[in-house]
Protein backbone atom coordinates (compact mmCIF):
# COMPACT_ATOMS: atom_id res chain seq x y z
CA MET A 1 115.48 69.57 61.71
CA SER A 2 117.14 69.86 65.06
CA ASN A 3 117.96 66.97 67.36
CA GLN A 4 117.29 69.18 70.37
CA THR A 5 115.46 67.55 73.25
CA PRO A 6 112.03 69.26 73.30
CA SER A 7 110.61 71.35 76.14
CA TYR A 8 106.96 71.05 77.16
CA TYR A 9 104.55 73.64 78.54
CA ARG A 10 103.50 72.84 82.13
CA GLN A 11 101.60 75.78 83.64
CA GLU A 12 101.18 79.55 83.73
CA GLY A 13 104.14 81.16 85.46
CA ASP A 14 102.40 83.61 87.79
CA TRP A 15 101.71 80.89 90.37
CA ILE A 16 104.12 78.07 91.17
CA ASP A 17 103.09 74.71 92.62
CA TYR A 18 104.54 74.18 96.10
CA THR A 19 104.30 71.45 98.73
CA PRO A 20 105.53 72.70 102.13
CA ASN A 21 106.95 70.58 104.95
CA ALA A 22 105.04 72.68 107.52
CA ASN A 23 101.73 74.57 107.42
CA VAL A 24 101.80 77.81 105.41
CA SER A 25 99.24 80.60 105.89
CA ALA A 26 97.82 82.71 103.06
CA GLY A 27 100.05 85.73 102.63
CA ASP A 28 103.17 84.10 104.09
CA THR A 29 106.43 84.96 102.37
CA ILE A 30 108.41 81.92 101.26
CA LYS A 31 112.04 82.11 100.18
CA ILE A 32 113.18 79.38 97.79
CA GLY A 33 116.81 79.77 96.82
CA ASN A 34 117.11 83.46 95.98
CA ALA A 35 113.45 83.85 94.99
CA ILE A 36 110.77 85.45 97.16
CA LEU A 37 107.24 84.08 96.70
CA ILE A 38 103.95 84.69 98.52
CA ALA A 39 101.36 82.04 99.46
CA LYS A 40 98.07 82.41 97.61
CA GLU A 41 96.10 80.50 100.23
CA ASP A 42 96.59 78.39 103.34
CA ILE A 43 98.63 75.28 102.48
CA PRO A 44 98.60 72.40 104.97
CA ALA A 45 101.91 70.57 105.45
CA ASN A 46 102.67 68.01 102.75
CA THR A 47 99.81 69.28 100.56
CA LEU A 48 100.15 70.82 97.10
CA GLY A 49 99.36 74.54 96.99
CA GLN A 50 100.47 77.63 95.08
CA LEU A 51 102.84 80.52 95.62
CA GLY A 52 102.67 83.84 93.79
CA ARG A 53 105.78 84.62 91.78
CA VAL A 54 104.73 87.92 90.18
CA GLY A 55 102.10 90.58 90.78
CA VAL A 56 101.51 93.46 93.16
CA PHE A 57 101.11 92.51 96.83
CA ARG A 58 100.53 94.71 99.89
CA VAL A 59 103.20 93.49 102.30
CA PRO A 60 104.33 94.40 105.85
CA LYS A 61 107.36 96.67 106.06
CA ASP A 62 109.71 98.09 108.66
CA ALA A 63 110.39 101.81 109.21
CA SER A 64 111.93 102.10 105.73
CA THR A 65 110.80 104.81 103.34
CA PHE A 66 110.32 104.06 99.66
CA SER A 67 109.93 106.10 96.51
CA ALA A 68 108.11 104.52 93.58
CA PHE A 69 110.18 101.73 92.02
CA ASP A 70 112.78 101.60 94.79
CA ALA A 71 114.21 98.14 95.45
CA VAL A 72 112.38 96.18 98.19
CA TYR A 73 114.09 93.38 100.14
CA TRP A 74 112.79 90.55 102.35
CA ASN A 75 114.24 90.43 105.89
CA ALA A 76 113.21 87.08 107.42
CA THR A 77 113.83 88.34 110.97
CA GLY A 78 112.71 91.94 110.45
CA ASN A 79 110.42 93.96 112.69
CA PRO A 80 107.25 95.00 110.85
CA THR A 81 105.70 98.36 111.74
CA GLY A 82 102.82 97.53 114.09
CA GLY A 83 103.50 93.79 113.83
CA THR A 84 105.27 91.07 115.76
CA ALA A 85 108.97 91.84 116.27
CA GLY A 86 111.28 89.38 114.53
CA SER A 87 108.48 87.86 112.42
CA GLY A 88 109.90 89.11 109.11
CA CYS A 89 109.06 92.06 106.89
CA TYR A 90 110.11 93.97 103.82
CA THR A 91 112.78 96.66 103.96
CA SER A 92 114.94 99.03 101.92
CA THR A 93 118.09 97.53 103.47
CA SER A 94 119.94 95.31 101.01
CA ALA A 95 122.70 93.98 103.29
CA GLY A 96 121.89 90.44 104.43
CA ASN A 97 118.41 90.49 102.83
CA THR A 98 116.89 89.10 99.61
CA LEU A 99 115.71 91.27 96.73
CA ALA A 100 111.95 90.74 96.29
CA GLY A 101 111.01 93.40 93.73
CA ARG A 102 110.16 97.10 93.55
CA ALA A 103 107.87 99.48 95.43
CA ALA A 104 104.75 100.32 93.40
CA ALA A 105 104.36 103.69 95.14
CA ALA A 106 106.02 105.90 97.75
CA GLN A 107 105.67 104.80 101.40
CA LEU A 108 106.62 106.74 104.52
CA THR A 109 108.34 105.67 107.75
CA GLY A 110 105.10 105.25 109.74
CA ASP A 111 103.32 103.25 107.03
CA ALA A 112 102.83 99.60 107.98
CA THR A 113 102.82 98.29 104.41
CA VAL A 114 104.34 98.77 100.99
CA ASP A 115 102.80 97.73 97.68
CA LEU A 116 105.41 95.35 96.28
CA ILE A 117 105.79 94.58 92.59
CA LEU A 118 106.92 91.00 93.20
CA ASN A 119 109.44 89.41 90.90
CA GLY A 120 110.00 85.91 92.22
CA ALA A 121 112.62 85.23 89.57
CA THR A 122 114.92 87.97 90.87
CA PRO A 123 118.25 86.43 91.85
């Protein structure tokens, strides 16, 4: 027998409990440390909600092009195609941005979204 301190199961890992300091809207991207997560639903400030850690999400992107399984990064101040400038979006540019996952399919410059295979544990 081991004297190891035991670990205990808490929850499924696809969704992580999260209590924000400010209101969060469904679909918002949240960066915690080096992890990128996406809000499952609206979460009022100081209220427990959930963030998606894994899965495939359709997310706003900039003018980047992607081939299937290219790296996708979160740019918190990026300019989404057809969206509000500076509001944040996903990009192929690694410098200064956070790795979020991989593109599920090819996307062209004029496309407003990319299907992201999210990996919220990606450092």
